[in-house]
Amino acid sequence: MLELKGIYHYYGRAKTLEELNLKIEKKSLNAVIGPNGVGKSTLLKLIIGLEKPNRGKIEFLGERIDGLKAYKITKKGISLCPERRRLFNDMSVRDNLKVGGKLVKSRETYKDQLNFVYETFPLLKERKKQRAGTLSGGEQQMLSIGRTLMSNPKLLLLDEPVVGLAPIVKQNIFSAVQKIRQEGTTTLLVTQDIYFAMYVADIIHVLEDGKIKLKGTKEELEKEPRIRKVYLGI
């Protein structure tokens, strides 16, 4: 579904990504892990068109998209749930979801997506008239993911969906991401939380020094000495 080939990206003279290659298969859930500052969020911004690569190319469903504007990429079926949520705080939960569904042309599809969001996050249905800014951090994260799902994406991008959340809220997000995966939505998430990645992802990619240094399943990475020492503390 998605392929990044030989991607280089710089901020001025500072290198963020170098010779990065990444392939995402349809209906899979892939995770990119790595510490702060290695370019995980930049990677998602490149895919959605908020940043442009200095070199390399990005293909979605066989079409090159790295030269397109972000809104055109979104129309092709890629949606980003950003870090720190970025909600419309003065609008209600329901109106935030409506904004997310603006690109959906079919009323039936819109209703299906809204029902799916409410099934995935029942609390949002209970709070649909409440202002988004009055929700707790975990509830806002649920709304942010729900708003992104309203566009009925072919590819869902999740940027640090559990950072700063309490363990019980993290578990709710874990369950939601698994449900999204079971529904067949291809998903790419970036996270510092290796346990989250191992819990939900089919394939985990380790981003270090601007490159994908390792990739594999949970079982494969658990056998890697560096992963055990640096990421799992074993």
C-alpha atoms as a PDB file:
ATOM      1  CA  MET A   1       0.000   0.000   0.000  1.00  0.00           C
ATOM      2  CA  LEU A   2       2.743   2.469   0.984  1.00  0.00           C
ATOM      3  CA  GLU A   3       6.442   2.524   0.148  1.00  0.00           C
ATOM      4  CA  LEU A   4       9.168   5.024   1.050  1.00  0.00           C
ATOM      5  CA  LYS A   5      12.321   4.661  -1.021  1.00  0.00           C
ATOM      6  CA  GLY A   6      15.700   6.235  -0.201  1.00  0.00           C
ATOM      7  CA  ILE A   7      14.235   9.096   1.836  1.00  0.00           C
ATOM      8  CA  TYR A   8      16.548  11.896   2.991  1.00  0.00           C
ATOM      9  CA  HIS A   9      15.299  14.829   5.058  1.00  0.00           C
ATOM     10  CA  TYR A  10      17.137  17.765   6.608  1.00  0.00           C
ATOM     11  CA  TYR A  11      16.239  20.760   8.754  1.00  0.00           C
ATOM     12  CA  GLY A  12      18.888  23.190   7.536  1.00  0.00           C
ATOM     13  CA  ARG A  13      22.130  21.224   7.941  1.00  0.00           C
ATOM     14  CA  ALA A  14      20.661  18.909  10.577  1.00  0.00           C
ATOM     15  CA  LYS A  15      19.936  15.441   9.213  1.00  0.00           C
ATOM     16  CA  THR A  16      16.725  13.802  10.401  1.00  0.00           C
ATOM     17  CA  LEU A  17      16.327  10.914   7.959  1.00  0.00           C
ATOM     18  CA  GLU A  18      18.944   9.288   5.731  1.00  0.00           C
ATOM     19  CA  GLU A  19      18.440   6.538   3.120  1.00  0.00           C
ATOM     20  CA  LEU A  20      15.221   5.478   4.850  1.00  0.00           C
ATOM     21  CA  ASN A  21      13.255   2.642   3.265  1.00  0.00           C
ATOM     22  CA  LEU A  22       9.889   1.481   4.551  1.00  0.00           C
ATOM     23  CA  LYS A  23       7.159  -0.698   3.085  1.00  0.00           C
ATOM     24  CA  ILE A  24       3.627  -1.067   4.495  1.00  0.00           C
ATOM     25  CA  GLU A  25       1.384  -3.882   3.300  1.00  0.00           C
ATOM     26  CA  LYS A  26      -2.389  -3.545   2.983  1.00  0.00           C
ATOM     27  CA  LYS A  27      -4.409  -4.348   6.138  1.00  0.00           C
ATOM     28  CA  SER A  28      -1.259  -4.577   8.267  1.00  0.00           C
ATOM     29  CA  LEU A  29      -0.425  -2.718  11.465  1.00  0.00           C
ATOM     30  CA  ASN A  30       3.162  -1.463  11.500  1.00  0.00           C
ATOM     31  CA  ALA A  31       4.919   0.409  14.296  1.00  0.00           C
ATOM     32  CA  VAL A  32       8.008   2.608  14.135  1.00  0.00           C
ATOM     33  CA  ILE A  33       9.779   2.869  17.480  1.00  0.00           C
ATOM     34  CA  GLY A  34      12.723   4.935  18.658  1.00  0.00           C
ATOM     35  CA  PRO A  35      13.691   7.546  21.239  1.00  0.00           C
ATOM     36  CA  ASN A  36      12.810  11.233  21.074  1.00  0.00           C
ATOM     37  CA  GLY A  37      14.396  13.242  18.267  1.00  0.00           C
ATOM     38  CA  VAL A  38      15.121  10.431  15.799  1.00  0.00           C
ATOM     39  CA  GLY A  39      12.587  11.602  13.208  1.00  0.00           C
ATOM     40  CA  LYS A  40       9.491   9.509  13.946  1.00  0.00           C
ATOM     41  CA  SER A  41       7.024  12.398  13.706  1.00  0.00           C
ATOM     42  CA  THR A  42       8.917  13.798  10.703  1.00  0.00           C
ATOM     43  CA  LEU A  43       8.378  10.473   8.969  1.00  0.00           C
ATOM     44  CA  LEU A  44       4.594  10.825   9.333  1.00  0.00           C
ATOM     45  CA  LYS A  45       4.689  14.467   8.212  1.00  0.00           C
ATOM     46  CA  LEU A  46       6.518  13.392   5.045  1.00  0.00           C
ATOM     47  CA  ILE A  47       3.875  10.767   4.283  1.00  0.00           C
ATOM     48  CA  ILE A  48       0.948  13.167   4.794  1.00  0.00           C
ATOM     49  CA  GLY A  49       2.647  16.013   2.892  1.00  0.00           C
ATOM     50  CA  LEU A  50       3.315  18.455   5.747  1.00  0.00           C
ATOM     51  CA  GLU A  51       7.051  18.130   4.990  1.00  0.00           C
ATOM     52  CA  LYS A  52       8.847  17.358   1.734  1.00  0.00           C
ATOM     53  CA  PRO A  53      11.772  14.936   1.429  1.00  0.00           C
ATOM     54  CA  ASN A  54      15.057  16.352   0.173  1.00  0.00           C
ATOM     55  CA  ARG A  55      15.632  13.115  -1.746  1.00  0.00           C
ATOM     56  CA  GLY A  56      13.782   9.882  -2.361  1.00  0.00           C
ATOM     57  CA  LYS A  57      10.167   9.114  -3.189  1.00  0.00           C
ATOM     58  CA  ILE A  58       6.944   8.046  -1.502  1.00  0.00           C
ATOM     59  CA  GLU A  59       4.368   5.881  -3.285  1.00  0.00           C
ATOM     60  CA  PHE A  60       0.801   5.191  -2.152  1.00  0.00           C
ATOM     61  CA  LEU A  61      -1.196   2.515  -3.984  1.00  0.00           C
ATOM     62  CA  GLY A  62       1.368   2.647  -6.774  1.00  0.00           C
ATOM     63  CA  GLU A  63       1.178   6.436  -7.223  1.00  0.00           C
ATOM     64  CA  ARG A  64       3.931   8.857  -6.270  1.00  0.00           C
ATOM     65  CA  ILE A  65       2.651  11.344  -3.672  1.00  0.00           C
ATOM     66  CA  ASP A  66       5.722  13.125  -2.260  1.00  0.00           C
ATOM     67  CA  GLY A  67       5.148  16.156  -4.470  1.00  0.00           C
ATOM     68  CA  LEU A  68       1.489  16.604  -3.533  1.00  0.00           C
ATOM     69  CA  LYS A  69      -0.096  19.062  -1.102  1.00  0.00           C
ATOM     70  CA  ALA A  70      -1.305  17.630   2.211  1.00  0.00           C
ATOM     71  CA  TYR A  71      -5.004  18.104   1.417  1.00  0.00           C
ATOM     72  CA  LYS A  72      -4.623  16.160  -1.843  1.00  0.00           C
ATOM     73  CA  ILE A  73      -2.900  13.299  -0.019  1.00  0.00           C
ATOM     74  CA  THR A  74      -5.717  13.267   2.534  1.00  0.00           C
ATOM     75  CA  LYS A  75      -8.266  13.021  -0.282  1.00  0.00           C
ATOM     76  CA  LYS A  76      -6.434   9.929  -1.552  1.00  0.00           C
ATOM     77  CA  GLY A  77      -7.168   8.184   1.745  1.00  0.00           C
ATOM     78  CA  ILE A  78      -4.332   8.903   4.207  1.00  0.00           C
ATOM     79  CA  SER A  79      -5.251  10.491   7.548  1.00  0.00           C
ATOM     80  CA  LEU A  80      -2.992  11.566  10.413  1.00  0.00           C
ATOM     81  CA  CYS A  81      -3.923  11.557  14.085  1.00  0.00           C
ATOM     82  CA  PRO A  82      -1.340  14.062  15.356  1.00  0.00           C
ATOM     83  CA  GLU A  83       0.655  14.092  18.552  1.00  0.00           C
ATOM     84  CA  ARG A  84      -0.864  16.329  21.254  1.00  0.00           C
ATOM     85  CA  ARG A  85      -4.317  15.770  19.752  1.00  0.00           C
ATOM     86  CA  ARG A  86      -4.913  19.257  18.169  1.00  0.00           C
ATOM     87  CA  LEU A  87      -8.675  19.280  18.825  1.00  0.00           C
ATOM     88  CA  PHE A  88     -11.110  22.151  18.361  1.00  0.00           C
ATOM     89  CA  ASN A  89     -11.478  22.731  22.082  1.00  0.00           C
ATOM     90  CA  ASP A  90     -14.458  25.112  21.942  1.00  0.00           C
ATOM     91  CA  MET A  91     -16.466  22.728  19.779  1.00  0.00           C
ATOM     92  CA  SER A  92     -18.437  19.752  21.017  1.00  0.00           C
ATOM     93  CA  VAL A  93     -17.308  16.148  20.698  1.00  0.00           C
ATOM     94  CA  ARG A  94     -19.938  15.615  18.016  1.00  0.00           C
ATOM     95  CA  ASP A  95     -18.837  18.666  16.012  1.00  0.00           C
ATOM     96  CA  ASN A  96     -15.176  17.597  16.174  1.00  0.00           C
ATOM     97  CA  LEU A  97     -16.246  14.263  14.681  1.00  0.00           C
ATOM     98  CA  LYS A  98     -18.261  16.071  11.998  1.00  0.00           C
ATOM     99  CA  VAL A  99     -15.154  18.002  10.969  1.00  0.00           C
ATOM    100  CA  GLY A 100     -13.281  14.709  10.633  1.00  0.00           C
ATOM    101  CA  GLY A 101     -15.979  13.391   8.296  1.00  0.00           C
ATOM    102  CA  LYS A 102     -16.113  16.399   5.965  1.00  0.00           C
ATOM    103  CA  LEU A 103     -14.414  14.549   3.110  1.00  0.00           C
ATOM    104  CA  VAL A 104     -16.862  11.629   3.225  1.00  0.00           C
ATOM    105  CA  LYS A 105     -19.301  12.045   0.328  1.00  0.00           C
ATOM    106  CA  SER A 106     -21.662   9.170   1.131  1.00  0.00           C
ATOM    107  CA  ARG A 107     -24.118   9.787   3.959  1.00  0.00           C
ATOM    108  CA  GLU A 108     -24.290   6.039   4.573  1.00  0.00           C
ATOM    109  CA  THR A 109     -20.507   5.799   4.898  1.00  0.00           C
ATOM    110  CA  TYR A 110     -20.529   8.777   7.269  1.00  0.00           C
ATOM    111  CA  LYS A 111     -23.106   7.066   9.486  1.00  0.00           C
ATOM    112  CA  ASP A 112     -21.156   3.804   9.401  1.00  0.00           C
ATOM    113  CA  GLN A 113     -17.963   5.582  10.460  1.00  0.00           C
ATOM    114  CA  LEU A 114     -19.752   7.465  13.235  1.00  0.00           C
ATOM    115  CA  ASN A 115     -21.239   4.225  14.540  1.00  0.00           C
ATOM    116  CA  PHE A 116     -17.815   2.580  14.405  1.00  0.00           C
ATOM    117  CA  VAL A 117     -16.246   5.450  16.351  1.00  0.00           C
ATOM    118  CA  TYR A 118     -18.976   5.259  19.001  1.00  0.00           C
ATOM    119  CA  GLU A 119     -18.597   1.463  19.221  1.00  0.00           C
ATOM    120  CA  THR A 120     -14.837   1.812  19.584  1.00  0.00           C
ATOM    121  CA  PHE A 121     -15.070   4.665  22.097  1.00  0.00           C
ATOM    122  CA  PRO A 122     -18.479   4.431  23.837  1.00  0.00           C
ATOM    123  CA  LEU A 123     -17.550   7.338  26.090  1.00  0.00           C
ATOM    124  CA  LEU A 124     -17.574   9.693  23.102  1.00  0.00           C
ATOM    125  CA  LYS A 125     -21.225   8.906  22.473  1.00  0.00           C
ATOM    126  CA  GLU A 126     -22.006   9.653  26.120  1.00  0.00           C
ATOM    127  CA  ARG A 127     -20.115  12.968  25.910  1.00  0.00           C
ATOM    128  CA  LYS A 128     -21.105  13.976  22.362  1.00  0.00           C
ATOM    129  CA  LYS A 129     -22.546  17.351  23.484  1.00  0.00           C
ATOM    130  CA  GLN A 130     -19.613  18.163  25.779  1.00  0.00           C
ATOM    131  CA  ARG A 131     -16.946  20.684  24.758  1.00  0.00           C
ATOM    132  CA  ALA A 132     -13.770  18.918  23.673  1.00  0.00           C
ATOM    133  CA  GLY A 133     -11.589  21.170  25.817  1.00  0.00           C
ATOM    134  CA  THR A 134     -13.306  19.961  29.004  1.00  0.00           C
ATOM    135  CA  LEU A 135     -12.444  16.291  28.400  1.00  0.00           C
ATOM    136  CA  SER A 136      -9.602  14.582  30.237  1.00  0.00           C
ATOM    137  CA  GLY A 137      -6.343  13.890  28.405  1.00  0.00           C
ATOM    138  CA  GLY A 138      -7.281  10.283  27.723  1.00  0.00           C
ATOM    139  CA  GLU A 139     -10.742  11.240  26.514  1.00  0.00           C
ATOM    140  CA  GLN A 140      -9.247  13.849  24.214  1.00  0.00           C
ATOM    141  CA  GLN A 141      -6.950  11.207  22.746  1.00  0.00           C
ATOM    142  CA  MET A 142      -9.952   8.990  22.055  1.00  0.00           C
ATOM    143  CA  LEU A 143     -11.661  11.926  20.330  1.00  0.00           C
ATOM    144  CA  SER A 144      -8.566  12.704  18.279  1.00  0.00           C
ATOM    145  CA  ILE A 145      -8.390   9.117  17.005  1.00  0.00           C
ATOM    146  CA  GLY A 146     -12.154   9.089  16.444  1.00  0.00           C
ATOM    147  CA  ARG A 147     -12.036  12.326  14.456  1.00  0.00           C
ATOM    148  CA  THR A 148      -9.306  10.850  12.232  1.00  0.00           C
ATOM    149  CA  LEU A 149     -11.326   7.660  11.677  1.00  0.00           C
ATOM    150  CA  MET A 150     -14.313   9.726  10.523  1.00  0.00           C
ATOM    151  CA  SER A 151     -12.553  10.344   7.193  1.00  0.00           C
ATOM    152  CA  ASN A 152     -12.771   6.581   6.501  1.00  0.00           C
ATOM    153  CA  PRO A 153      -9.021   6.352   5.789  1.00  0.00           C
ATOM    154  CA  LYS A 154      -7.354   3.679   3.708  1.00  0.00           C
ATOM    155  CA  LEU A 155      -4.182   4.349   5.719  1.00  0.00           C
ATOM    156  CA  LEU A 156      -4.311   5.590   9.317  1.00  0.00           C
ATOM    157  CA  LEU A 157      -1.244   7.325  10.766  1.00  0.00           C
ATOM    158  CA  LEU A 158      -1.000   7.515  14.576  1.00  0.00           C
ATOM    159  CA  ASP A 159       1.602   9.808  16.158  1.00  0.00           C
ATOM    160  CA  GLU A 160       2.409   8.876  19.786  1.00  0.00           C
ATOM    161  CA  PRO A 161      -1.179   7.904  20.674  1.00  0.00           C
ATOM    162  CA  VAL A 162      -0.407   6.834  24.268  1.00  0.00           C
ATOM    163  CA  VAL A 163       2.267   9.305  25.365  1.00  0.00           C
ATOM    164  CA  GLY A 164       1.569  10.784  28.789  1.00  0.00           C
ATOM    165  CA  LEU A 165      -1.534   8.688  29.443  1.00  0.00           C
ATOM    166  CA  ALA A 166      -2.338   6.724  32.601  1.00  0.00           C
ATOM    167  CA  PRO A 167      -1.969   2.916  32.330  1.00  0.00           C
ATOM    168  CA  ILE A 168      -5.724   2.268  32.409  1.00  0.00           C
ATOM    169  CA  VAL A 169      -6.273   4.786  29.590  1.00  0.00           C
ATOM    170  CA  LYS A 170      -3.415   3.261  27.609  1.00  0.00           C
ATOM    171  CA  GLN A 171      -5.190  -0.080  27.803  1.00  0.00           C
ATOM    172  CA  ASN A 172      -8.316   1.498  26.296  1.00  0.00           C
ATOM    173  CA  ILE A 173      -6.230   2.888  23.426  1.00  0.00           C
ATOM    174  CA  PHE A 174      -4.514  -0.510  22.964  1.00  0.00           C
ATOM    175  CA  SER A 175      -7.925  -2.169  22.634  1.00  0.00           C
ATOM    176  CA  ALA A 176      -9.172   0.505  20.230  1.00  0.00           C
ATOM    177  CA  VAL A 177      -6.146   0.175  17.954  1.00  0.00           C
ATOM    178  CA  GLN A 178      -6.625  -3.596  17.863  1.00  0.00           C
ATOM    179  CA  LYS A 179     -10.286  -3.126  16.934  1.00  0.00           C
ATOM    180  CA  ILE A 180      -9.309  -0.731  14.144  1.00  0.00           C
ATOM    181  CA  ARG A 181      -6.858  -3.312  12.873  1.00  0.00           C
ATOM    182  CA  GLN A 182      -9.482  -6.070  12.973  1.00  0.00           C
ATOM    183  CA  GLU A 183     -11.772  -3.893  10.857  1.00  0.00           C
ATOM    184  CA  GLY A 184      -9.083  -3.964   8.159  1.00  0.00           C
ATOM    185  CA  THR A 185      -7.772  -0.382   8.312  1.00  0.00           C
ATOM    186  CA  THR A 186      -4.076  -0.338   7.405  1.00  0.00           C
ATOM    187  CA  THR A 187      -2.285   1.461  10.236  1.00  0.00           C
ATOM    188  CA  LEU A 188       1.162   2.943  10.835  1.00  0.00           C
ATOM    189  CA  LEU A 189       1.927   4.195  14.320  1.00  0.00           C
ATOM    190  CA  VAL A 190       5.026   5.807  15.742  1.00  0.00           C
ATOM    191  CA  THR A 191       5.735   5.516  19.439  1.00  0.00           C
ATOM    192  CA  GLN A 192       8.415   5.568  22.109  1.00  0.00           C
ATOM    193  CA  ASP A 193       6.499   2.840  23.922  1.00  0.00           C
ATOM    194  CA  ILE A 194       7.938  -0.474  22.741  1.00  0.00           C
ATOM    195  CA  TYR A 195       5.487  -2.428  24.867  1.00  0.00           C
ATOM    196  CA  PHE A 196       2.589  -0.764  23.050  1.00  0.00           C
ATOM    197  CA  ALA A 197       4.220  -1.534  19.698  1.00  0.00           C
ATOM    198  CA  MET A 198       4.795  -5.156  20.628  1.00  0.00           C
ATOM    199  CA  TYR A 199       1.241  -5.475  21.918  1.00  0.00           C
ATOM    200  CA  VAL A 200      -0.500  -4.343  18.732  1.00  0.00           C
ATOM    201  CA  ALA A 201       1.838  -4.397  15.713  1.00  0.00           C
ATOM    202  CA  ASP A 202       2.409  -7.073  13.081  1.00  0.00           C
ATOM    203  CA  ILE A 203       5.810  -5.622  12.192  1.00  0.00           C
ATOM    204  CA  ILE A 204       7.978  -3.281  14.283  1.00  0.00           C
ATOM    205  CA  HIS A 205      10.603  -1.014  12.676  1.00  0.00           C
ATOM    206  CA  VAL A 206      13.417   0.430  14.801  1.00  0.00           C
ATOM    207  CA  LEU A 207      14.390   3.954  13.716  1.00  0.00           C
ATOM    208  CA  GLU A 208      17.856   5.101  14.796  1.00  0.00           C
ATOM    209  CA  ASP A 209      20.280   7.617  13.263  1.00  0.00           C
ATOM    210  CA  GLY A 210      17.752   8.443  10.561  1.00  0.00           C
ATOM    211  CA  LYS A 211      17.516   4.868   9.273  1.00  0.00           C
ATOM    212  CA  ILE A 212      15.470   1.747   9.892  1.00  0.00           C
ATOM    213  CA  LYS A 213      18.110  -0.330  11.678  1.00  0.00           C
ATOM    214  CA  LEU A 214      15.969  -3.354  12.526  1.00  0.00           C
ATOM    215  CA  LYS A 215      12.534  -4.711  11.718  1.00  0.00           C
ATOM    216  CA  GLY A 216      10.635  -7.803  12.673  1.00  0.00           C
ATOM    217  CA  THR A 217       7.782  -9.301  14.607  1.00  0.00           C
ATOM    218  CA  LYS A 218       7.497  -9.065  18.383  1.00  0.00           C
ATOM    219  CA  GLU A 219       8.976 -12.546  18.707  1.00  0.00           C
ATOM    220  CA  GLU A 220      11.902 -11.749  16.405  1.00  0.00           C
ATOM    221  CA  LEU A 221      12.812  -8.470  18.118  1.00  0.00           C
ATOM    222  CA  GLU A 222      12.601  -9.986  21.588  1.00  0.00           C
ATOM    223  CA  LYS A 223      15.543 -12.195  20.583  1.00  0.00           C
ATOM    224  CA  GLU A 224      17.712  -9.265  19.483  1.00  0.00           C
ATOM    225  CA  PRO A 225      20.364  -8.474  22.149  1.00  0.00           C
ATOM    226  CA  ARG A 226      20.281  -4.714  21.456  1.00  0.00           C
ATOM    227  CA  ILE A 227      16.494  -4.546  21.729  1.00  0.00           C
ATOM    228  CA  ARG A 228      16.565  -6.535  24.951  1.00  0.00           C
ATOM    229  CA  LYS A 229      19.179  -4.276  26.497  1.00  0.00           C
ATOM    230  CA  VAL A 230      18.290  -0.794  25.221  1.00  0.00           C
ATOM    231  CA  TYR A 231      14.503  -0.967  24.842  1.00  0.00           C
ATOM    232  CA  LEU A 232      13.358  -3.722  27.178  1.00  0.00           C
ATOM    233  CA  GLY A 233      15.960  -3.277  29.911  1.00  0.00           C
ATOM    234  CA  ILE A 234      16.721  -7.001  30.042  1.00  0.00           C
END
